[in-house]
Amino acid sequence: MDPAPTIESTSATESAFSRAFDLPELLRIITSHLQWKDITRLMQTCRKFNEQCSPWFYRHINLSIRYGRGKNILESTSAALALARNVRSIRQLSSELPEMALLYQCLLSFYELYSLSTASVHLERPAWLPSIDRRVCQFIPIPPMTHLTSLTVKSSSPKLRRSVSFDLPSSKDHHVILAQICWIIMQASNLYSLTLECQLEDPQDIRLLSTTLSKLRLLKSFDLSAHSRLKEPFRWGSELFFSCSPLLENLKLDLKCNLRNTSNDNDKKPPRHNLPELPHRQEPLAYLTKLSVWDKGASESEEQLTRVLQHCPNLQELNIANAHGSIKPETIAKFVGEHCPQIRKLKSAITTHNANTLLPFSIMSSLPEQQIQEFECMDYDIWLDEKLVKNAIVRHSKSLTTLVLSGRRNMESKAVGLILTECGTLETFTLVYLHERMVEGDVVSINLEDAAANPWVCTRLKQLELTVACQEVPVDDGVEPYYFRDGPVVLSGLEQENFAQFEALYRNLGSLVELEILDIRIHWCDMDGQILSDSLYASNTFPGFLSLGDAKTGRPGYLNCLSGLKKLRKLLGSVSATTEEATETMGWDEVKWMSTHWPLLEIGEFFVQFEIPRAAFKWLKNTSSKHLILNLPYSIF
């Protein structure tokens, strides 16, 4: 039996504990590696940890999360009081709009209480600041969060939002809630990151937000997503741009315009306090490296866009959205090449039918060679021929690591082949199409002969999404498909030529030894090159792709070409195990081969949803250490 602890040993233990954890630096290091729940458990171990860990517990607060009995922090009196005591510890705050309205009432309550206790101090409220709401619930006085460095405010959907115990009238008025948020932001002068979702319905809303931004001299990141009824989105977005801090590093302005009933709605609203227009910042944003350019309307000039870009000399990432088709892409591209020569990442998202989709490719052509590292163009509707791809994309073949093309029109097959045989540094290559184009009998793809013509140099690829268009090889009447023929299998001249091209394609795929995600799809076309209307990728299988072949009968199979894909985690596309060919050619040998050569496989699109896997694939799933998924919901996208 161990001896009972003596007074001396107990005091020595307590002394060692005190010496270790009385050091705030040590506890700061420990808590910096813990999650919020872990800090909660640590605080419950002893009184000392409860006191010392409280500031870390309140560093990251989300006012919209519900705890315990379904209440958030501001709805619980005890939690709100604890928040008020530790408000100086808050560094990052997340909330939805209704909670921001309640927080505003709590801040006003604090200032009213502070004014009563200190007669010499009086709160100077701006004329645009709304008054306090009627007392529908208890407002706990909360001091301003002067040490706040990051604020995220998300909009909330009434349909998805759970019931709340308060119903503030101000939370239903977009102008009022914006004014409340702006005033809260002004109290946090040390803010360096701001993410905001709201509605900006008229110029006064823009002016109010611009005034607020001009107060944040330390702001480094601003992300705005707003619904607007303004007729000139780029003009008003520019006013926000020229109000930002010179220290800004990341700016994203997403103004979603809805011009329906614009004039009538504004006429019905009561007059509001007019804010003066702020003088524009003159110095450039020398620290700005990431910019998302907001929508540019048809009535807005190229000079407005170039005026903004002129203030971004050190830009490294540019995201362009919906530049109107009336602009001249070569003019803007030349300006970008001269004034923003350090761009490394270029992205474009087109969501309107009259946008100029040639602009991102023109910018890519104007920048110095071998500079662009990431290029994404979503929803383009222009014909990408070999010349355009060579002047824009291949121009950066030694630096480009990510290339994502999603279009509403096909591109020249040889242009796709040019990318595969020239861009040796690619790690992600995605070539996808929109679903409505498939109905019209067209997809973004590469022809089989171009995919097999030359060896691919993009051997660093980790993710590949590609569609291959193939012509069906005609078979004489009465001749069965090759996989139904008795041995020895004799292939016609056209079949031999076709299989030779497929083998070259499979060897190119097998050379991508770093590949982790492969989404390879086949679409059959007629002799004129038109995609067959019933050619859905999930109902097809590449000939001999997932078969080892049969040496005795001479039946071809090329699964061994993929033996180098040791890192493959996802195999998607036209790899169905339920087609006639797959049923005849894929068996236990092929499944055991996959288990040996693809040990990291997590997802295989061998069966669509509700199809029952064959016994061999059930064995593969049961023996896999990665919880292999064999059935995926079918999608035409």
Foldseek 3Di string as FASTA:
>chain_A
DDDDDDPVNVVVVVVVVCVQPVDLVNVVVVLVPDDLVVLVVQLPPDVVSVVSSLLVNQQEEEQQDADDPRHGQQQDPVSVVSCQVNLQSHAAYEYELVVLLLVLLLQVVQQVVVCVVPVVDDDDDDQQQDDHFDPPDDRHRHHQNQNYAEYAYHYDDPVPDDDHPDDTPQSVDQSNSLNSVLVSLLSHLNYAYYHDEGEDEDLQSLQSVLVSQLSNQNHAEYAYAYEYQDPFVLVSVVLSVQSHHLNYAEYHYEYHHDNPCNPVVVVPDDDGDDDDRDDGHDAASANHAYYERYAGDPPDDPVSVLVNLLSYQAYAAYEYEFHFLVDDLLVVLLSCQVRHQQHAHYEYDYDDPGGDQCNSLNNQLSHQFQRHAEYYYAADEDEAELVSLCSRPLSNLARYAYYHYEYAAAYAQLNVLCSQARNQNYAYYHAWYDLVSLQVQDTHAHELCSLLVDAGNNLNYAAYAHEYEYEDDDDDPPDDPQLPDFALGDDDPVRVVVVVSVLSNLLSVLSNLNYAYYAYFYFYDYPVRGTDSPGFFQQAADVQCLAPADPGRNGHHRVVSNLSNQNYAEYHTNQACPHPNNVRGDDLVSLVSCVVRHLNHAEYQHEEPPDDDDPSVVVSCVPHPNNHHHYYHDDRD
